C-alpha atoms as a PDB file:
ATOM      1  CA  UNK A   1      -5.950  -3.517 -31.051  1.00  0.00           C
ATOM      2  CA  UNK A   2      -2.779  -1.548 -31.620  1.00  0.00           C
ATOM      3  CA  UNK A   3      -3.173   1.600 -30.591  1.00  0.00           C
ATOM      4  CA  UNK A   4      -4.482  -0.718 -26.720  1.00  0.00           C
ATOM      5  CA  UNK A   5      -1.044  -1.763 -27.011  1.00  0.00           C
ATOM      6  CA  UNK A   6       0.405   1.679 -27.528  1.00  0.00           C
ATOM      7  CA  UNK A   7      -1.610   3.794 -24.725  1.00  0.00           C
ATOM      8  CA  UNK A   8      -0.209   0.836 -22.351  1.00  0.00           C
ATOM      9  CA  UNK A   9       3.467   0.264 -23.609  1.00  0.00           C
ATOM     10  CA  UNK A  10       3.107   4.229 -23.269  1.00  0.00           C
ATOM     11  CA  UNK A  11       1.297   4.725 -20.389  1.00  0.00           C
ATOM     12  CA  UNK A  12       4.092   2.160 -18.474  1.00  0.00           C
ATOM     13  CA  UNK A  13       6.315   4.347 -19.273  1.00  0.00           C
ATOM     14  CA  UNK A  14       4.986   7.155 -18.012  1.00  0.00           C
ATOM     15  CA  UNK A  15       4.703   5.045 -14.480  1.00  0.00           C
ATOM     16  CA  UNK A  16       8.822   3.784 -14.398  1.00  0.00           C
ATOM     17  CA  UNK A  17       9.964   7.288 -15.739  1.00  0.00           C
ATOM     18  CA  UNK A  18       8.135   9.192 -12.374  1.00  0.00           C
ATOM     19  CA  UNK A  19       8.262   6.116  -9.824  1.00  0.00           C
ATOM     20  CA  UNK A  20      12.409   6.394 -10.844  1.00  0.00           C
ATOM     21  CA  UNK A  21      12.146  11.002 -10.421  1.00  0.00           C
ATOM     22  CA  UNK A  22       9.828   9.471  -7.423  1.00  0.00           C
ATOM     23  CA  UNK A  23      13.927   8.425  -5.810  1.00  0.00           C
ATOM     24  CA  UNK A  24      15.680  11.206  -5.836  1.00  0.00           C
ATOM     25  CA  UNK A  25      12.575  13.906  -5.793  1.00  0.00           C
ATOM     26  CA  UNK A  26       9.300  14.626  -4.468  1.00  0.00           C
ATOM     27  CA  UNK A  27       6.108  15.262  -6.581  1.00  0.00           C
ATOM     28  CA  UNK A  28       6.112  18.611  -5.754  1.00  0.00           C
ATOM     29  CA  UNK A  29       8.962  19.243  -7.712  1.00  0.00           C
ATOM     30  CA  UNK A  30       9.183  16.745 -10.600  1.00  0.00           C
ATOM     31  CA  UNK A  31       8.101  18.165 -13.658  1.00  0.00           C
ATOM     32  CA  UNK A  32       6.326  17.265 -16.656  1.00  0.00           C
ATOM     33  CA  UNK A  33       8.960  18.173 -18.770  1.00  0.00           C
ATOM     34  CA  UNK A  34      11.529  15.776 -16.865  1.00  0.00           C
ATOM     35  CA  UNK A  35       9.550  12.594 -16.429  1.00  0.00           C
ATOM     36  CA  UNK A  36       8.944  12.743 -20.559  1.00  0.00           C
ATOM     37  CA  UNK A  37      12.628  13.305 -20.916  1.00  0.00           C
ATOM     38  CA  UNK A  38      13.191  10.194 -18.310  1.00  0.00           C
ATOM     39  CA  UNK A  39      10.787   8.284 -20.205  1.00  0.00           C
ATOM     40  CA  UNK A  40      11.414   9.283 -24.002  1.00  0.00           C
ATOM     41  CA  UNK A  41       8.167  10.685 -25.180  1.00  0.00           C
ATOM     42  CA  UNK A  42       6.768  14.113 -25.640  1.00  0.00           C
ATOM     43  CA  UNK A  43       4.368  16.378 -23.389  1.00  0.00           C
ATOM     44  CA  UNK A  44       1.829  16.809 -26.165  1.00  0.00           C
ATOM     45  CA  UNK A  45       1.559  12.603 -25.729  1.00  0.00           C
ATOM     46  CA  UNK A  46       1.864  13.035 -22.313  1.00  0.00           C
ATOM     47  CA  UNK A  47      -1.313  15.392 -22.004  1.00  0.00           C
ATOM     48  CA  UNK A  48      -2.733  12.496 -24.015  1.00  0.00           C
ATOM     49  CA  UNK A  49      -3.094  10.066 -21.864  1.00  0.00           C
ATOM     50  CA  UNK A  50      -2.396  13.033 -18.522  1.00  0.00           C
ATOM     51  CA  UNK A  51      -4.178  15.475 -17.225  1.00  0.00           C
ATOM     52  CA  UNK A  52      -1.123  16.656 -15.412  1.00  0.00           C
ATOM     53  CA  UNK A  53       1.588  14.463 -13.571  1.00  0.00           C
ATOM     54  CA  UNK A  54      -0.418  14.097 -10.528  1.00  0.00           C
ATOM     55  CA  UNK A  55      -3.382  11.924 -12.091  1.00  0.00           C
ATOM     56  CA  UNK A  56      -0.028  10.303 -13.641  1.00  0.00           C
ATOM     57  CA  UNK A  57       1.408   9.368  -9.481  1.00  0.00           C
ATOM     58  CA  UNK A  58      -2.814   8.353  -8.693  1.00  0.00           C
ATOM     59  CA  UNK A  59      -2.558   5.687 -10.911  1.00  0.00           C
ATOM     60  CA  UNK A  60       0.888   4.401 -10.169  1.00  0.00           C
ATOM     61  CA  UNK A  61      -1.163   4.436  -6.248  1.00  0.00           C
ATOM     62  CA  UNK A  62      -4.664   2.950  -7.919  1.00  0.00           C
ATOM     63  CA  UNK A  63      -2.478   0.586  -9.761  1.00  0.00           C
ATOM     64  CA  UNK A  64      -1.284  -0.623  -6.316  1.00  0.00           C
ATOM     65  CA  UNK A  65      -4.179  -0.739  -5.038  1.00  0.00           C
ATOM     66  CA  UNK A  66      -5.841  -2.763  -7.092  1.00  0.00           C
ATOM     67  CA  UNK A  67      -2.907  -5.158  -7.035  1.00  0.00           C
ATOM     68  CA  UNK A  68      -3.359  -5.972  -3.513  1.00  0.00           C
ATOM     69  CA  UNK A  69      -7.406  -6.376  -3.947  1.00  0.00           C
ATOM     70  CA  UNK A  70      -6.788  -9.076  -6.406  1.00  0.00           C
ATOM     71  CA  UNK A  71      -4.147 -10.812  -4.325  1.00  0.00           C
ATOM     72  CA  UNK A  72      -6.423 -10.838  -1.452  1.00  0.00           C
ATOM     73  CA  UNK A  73      -9.709 -11.909  -3.631  1.00  0.00           C
ATOM     74  CA  UNK A  74      -7.826 -14.759  -4.767  1.00  0.00           C
ATOM     75  CA  UNK A  75      -8.807 -16.419  -1.260  1.00  0.00           C
ATOM     76  CA  UNK A  76     -12.346 -15.847   0.154  1.00  0.00           C
ATOM     77  CA  UNK A  77     -11.165 -17.083   3.148  1.00  0.00           C
ATOM     78  CA  UNK A  78      -9.027 -14.050   3.751  1.00  0.00           C
ATOM     79  CA  UNK A  79     -11.988 -11.237   4.569  1.00  0.00           C
ATOM     80  CA  UNK A  80     -12.269 -13.512   8.998  1.00  0.00           C
ATOM     81  CA  UNK A  81      -9.624 -11.185   9.445  1.00  0.00           C
ATOM     82  CA  UNK A  82      -9.468 -12.797  13.211  1.00  0.00           C
ATOM     83  CA  UNK A  83      -9.259 -16.525  11.918  1.00  0.00           C
ATOM     84  CA  UNK A  84      -6.980 -15.741   9.156  1.00  0.00           C
ATOM     85  CA  UNK A  85      -4.931 -12.294   9.635  1.00  0.00           C
ATOM     86  CA  UNK A  86      -1.476 -14.851   9.584  1.00  0.00           C
ATOM     87  CA  UNK A  87      -2.929 -15.681   5.801  1.00  0.00           C
ATOM     88  CA  UNK A  88      -3.560 -12.380   5.311  1.00  0.00           C
ATOM     89  CA  UNK A  89      -0.614 -10.853   6.749  1.00  0.00           C
ATOM     90  CA  UNK A  90       1.517 -13.321   4.955  1.00  0.00           C
ATOM     91  CA  UNK A  91      -0.013 -12.082   2.150  1.00  0.00           C
ATOM     92  CA  UNK A  92       1.081  -8.210   2.158  1.00  0.00           C
ATOM     93  CA  UNK A  93       4.612  -9.004   3.694  1.00  0.00           C
ATOM     94  CA  UNK A  94       5.036 -10.942  -0.057  1.00  0.00           C
ATOM     95  CA  UNK A  95       3.527  -8.868  -2.118  1.00  0.00           C
ATOM     96  CA  UNK A  96       5.084  -5.251  -0.168  1.00  0.00           C
ATOM     97  CA  UNK A  97       7.996  -7.800  -0.128  1.00  0.00           C
ATOM     98  CA  UNK A  98       8.591  -8.639  -3.136  1.00  0.00           C
ATOM     99  CA  UNK A  99       7.910  -4.492  -4.708  1.00  0.00           C
ATOM    100  CA  UNK A 100      10.064  -3.224  -2.563  1.00  0.00           C
ATOM    101  CA  UNK A 101      12.421  -0.359  -4.124  1.00  0.00           C
ATOM    102  CA  UNK A 102       8.931  -0.209  -5.943  1.00  0.00           C
ATOM    103  CA  UNK A 103       8.033   0.694  -2.421  1.00  0.00           C
ATOM    104  CA  UNK A 104      11.160   2.614  -1.245  1.00  0.00           C
ATOM    105  CA  UNK A 105      10.414   5.136  -4.341  1.00  0.00           C
ATOM    106  CA  UNK A 106       6.907   6.334  -2.508  1.00  0.00           C
ATOM    107  CA  UNK A 107       8.968   6.112   1.841  1.00  0.00           C
ATOM    108  CA  UNK A 108      12.103   8.408   0.004  1.00  0.00           C
ATOM    109  CA  UNK A 109      10.384  10.965   0.599  1.00  0.00           C
ATOM    110  CA  UNK A 110       8.321  11.882   3.417  1.00  0.00           C
ATOM    111  CA  UNK A 111       4.905  13.625   0.662  1.00  0.00           C
ATOM    112  CA  UNK A 112       4.547  10.170  -1.013  1.00  0.00           C
ATOM    113  CA  UNK A 113       5.186   8.430   2.251  1.00  0.00           C
ATOM    114  CA  UNK A 114       1.764  10.066   3.939  1.00  0.00           C
ATOM    115  CA  UNK A 115       0.498   8.475   0.495  1.00  0.00           C
ATOM    116  CA  UNK A 116       1.713   4.899   0.982  1.00  0.00           C
ATOM    117  CA  UNK A 117       0.445   4.862   4.520  1.00  0.00           C
ATOM    118  CA  UNK A 118      -3.003   5.477   3.158  1.00  0.00           C
ATOM    119  CA  UNK A 119      -3.591   3.412   0.800  1.00  0.00           C
ATOM    120  CA  UNK A 120      -2.151   0.619   4.135  1.00  0.00           C
ATOM    121  CA  UNK A 121      -4.589   2.480   6.771  1.00  0.00           C
ATOM    122  CA  UNK A 122      -7.644   1.915   4.237  1.00  0.00           C
ATOM    123  CA  UNK A 123      -6.850  -1.693   4.229  1.00  0.00           C
ATOM    124  CA  UNK A 124      -6.123  -2.967   7.881  1.00  0.00           C
ATOM    125  CA  UNK A 125      -8.968  -0.679   9.144  1.00  0.00           C
ATOM    126  CA  UNK A 126     -10.885  -2.776   6.330  1.00  0.00           C
ATOM    127  CA  UNK A 127     -10.028  -5.325   8.152  1.00  0.00           C
ATOM    128  CA  UNK A 128      -9.268  -5.078  11.008  1.00  0.00           C
ATOM    129  CA  UNK A 129     -12.678  -3.460  12.221  1.00  0.00           C
ATOM    130  CA  UNK A 130     -14.562  -6.420  11.340  1.00  0.00           C
ATOM    131  CA  UNK A 131     -12.059  -9.069  12.934  1.00  0.00           C
ATOM    132  CA  UNK A 132     -11.745  -7.318  15.878  1.00  0.00           C
ATOM    133  CA  UNK A 133     -13.520  -9.435  19.326  1.00  0.00           C
ATOM    134  CA  UNK A 134     -13.851  -6.213  22.481  1.00  0.00           C
ATOM    135  CA  UNK A 135     -13.596  -9.324  25.541  1.00  0.00           C
ATOM    136  CA  UNK A 136     -15.016  -8.991  28.882  1.00  0.00           C
ATOM    137  CA  UNK A 137     -18.867  -7.647  30.646  1.00  0.00           C
ATOM    138  CA  UNK A 138     -21.236  -7.024  27.905  1.00  0.00           C
ATOM    139  CA  UNK A 139     -21.756  -3.138  27.249  1.00  0.00           C
ATOM    140  CA  UNK A 140     -23.685  -0.852  25.139  1.00  0.00           C
ATOM    141  CA  UNK A 141     -23.559  -1.098  20.644  1.00  0.00           C
ATOM    142  CA  UNK A 142     -21.997   2.413  21.083  1.00  0.00           C
ATOM    143  CA  UNK A 143     -18.843   1.390  23.806  1.00  0.00           C
ATOM    144  CA  UNK A 144     -18.698  -1.536  22.025  1.00  0.00           C
ATOM    145  CA  UNK A 145     -17.635   0.641  18.281  1.00  0.00           C
ATOM    146  CA  UNK A 146     -15.742   3.092  20.209  1.00  0.00           C
ATOM    147  CA  UNK A 147     -13.805  -0.082  21.788  1.00  0.00           C
ATOM    148  CA  UNK A 148     -13.162  -1.310  17.711  1.00  0.00           C
ATOM    149  CA  UNK A 149     -12.534   1.667  15.821  1.00  0.00           C
ATOM    150  CA  UNK A 150      -9.894   2.272  18.882  1.00  0.00           C
ATOM    151  CA  UNK A 151      -8.168  -0.708  18.641  1.00  0.00           C
ATOM    152  CA  UNK A 152      -9.092  -0.741  15.110  1.00  0.00           C
ATOM    153  CA  UNK A 153      -6.709   2.853  14.227  1.00  0.00           C
ATOM    154  CA  UNK A 154      -3.962   1.342  17.185  1.00  0.00           C
ATOM    155  CA  UNK A 155      -3.219  -2.022  15.110  1.00  0.00           C
ATOM    156  CA  UNK A 156      -3.837  -0.063  11.813  1.00  0.00           C
ATOM    157  CA  UNK A 157      -0.803   1.883  13.036  1.00  0.00           C
ATOM    158  CA  UNK A 158       1.673  -0.167  14.338  1.00  0.00           C
ATOM    159  CA  UNK A 159       0.835  -2.147  11.510  1.00  0.00           C
ATOM    160  CA  UNK A 160       1.899   0.444   9.158  1.00  0.00           C
ATOM    161  CA  UNK A 161       4.660   1.861  10.765  1.00  0.00           C
ATOM    162  CA  UNK A 162       6.454  -2.135  10.658  1.00  0.00           C
ATOM    163  CA  UNK A 163       5.906  -2.180   7.514  1.00  0.00           C
ATOM    164  CA  UNK A 164       7.249   1.506   6.441  1.00  0.00           C
ATOM    165  CA  UNK A 165      10.342   0.354   8.378  1.00  0.00           C
ATOM    166  CA  UNK A 166      10.635  -3.153   7.025  1.00  0.00           C
ATOM    167  CA  UNK A 167      10.364  -2.358   3.376  1.00  0.00           C
ATOM    168  CA  UNK A 168      12.746   1.268   4.656  1.00  0.00           C
ATOM    169  CA  UNK A 169      15.304  -0.066   7.104  1.00  0.00           C
ATOM    170  CA  UNK A 170      14.832  -3.603   7.040  1.00  0.00           C
ATOM    171  CA  UNK A 171      16.383  -4.898   4.888  1.00  0.00           C
ATOM    172  CA  UNK A 172      17.896  -7.328   6.186  1.00  0.00           C
ATOM    173  CA  UNK A 173      14.856  -8.960   7.929  1.00  0.00           C
ATOM    174  CA  UNK A 174      13.820 -11.484   5.618  1.00  0.00           C
ATOM    175  CA  UNK A 175      10.020 -11.516   5.168  1.00  0.00           C
ATOM    176  CA  UNK A 176       9.890 -14.479   7.127  1.00  0.00           C
ATOM    177  CA  UNK A 177      10.884 -13.347  10.785  1.00  0.00           C
ATOM    178  CA  UNK A 178       8.649  -9.902   9.517  1.00  0.00           C
ATOM    179  CA  UNK A 179       5.782 -12.548   9.472  1.00  0.00           C
ATOM    180  CA  UNK A 180       6.477 -13.994  12.257  1.00  0.00           C
ATOM    181  CA  UNK A 181       7.146 -11.585  14.976  1.00  0.00           C
ATOM    182  CA  UNK A 182       4.428  -9.456  13.542  1.00  0.00           C
ATOM    183  CA  UNK A 183       2.259 -12.370  14.145  1.00  0.00           C
ATOM    184  CA  UNK A 184       3.249 -12.825  18.126  1.00  0.00           C
ATOM    185  CA  UNK A 185       2.264  -9.791  18.096  1.00  0.00           C
ATOM    186  CA  UNK A 186      -1.120 -10.101  17.379  1.00  0.00           C
ATOM    187  CA  UNK A 187      -1.621 -13.604  18.724  1.00  0.00           C
ATOM    188  CA  UNK A 188      -3.089 -11.631  22.461  1.00  0.00           C
ATOM    189  CA  UNK A 189      -4.970  -9.596  20.571  1.00  0.00           C
ATOM    190  CA  UNK A 190      -7.506 -11.510  18.525  1.00  0.00           C
ATOM    191  CA  UNK A 191      -7.122 -14.624  21.463  1.00  0.00           C
END
């Protein structure tokens, strides 16, 4: 039991240290030695828990992914995007807005930003492809699938860059105002 608590504490110190260093440097420019010094942990202890700094970084990304999934699982109704996109976006805005400083770490560096946007893209596409409906004349299944895919990609890209901009540069826009404007833009797409 004590070793589990020690392991959790050590891993948290290392994650916090890496996140702090990522505010000023890219992952490529950070050494394991710097992470250990920042966390006040020796290198042997680092390698007891992680193979390399990339594995530690991946754990940070996976934790964010886990947190989002955990938040979404609280409410089963969110799986129906066409009916609940406002609720889904509310959860995302709340989650990212409450951790704005944390996610600025990923957005301040182009390489880190790519990982963050990949995470968002994965979730937006999962929900968008389920909720988009194609209006108009009936066409074959392949064309409908292609229309859904293109529309999903388009909306996902717009949402990702909107969220990224808001988290990094849109400090004067409240969560409520941001959500209102995004939902207004999506209203017509889901009618």
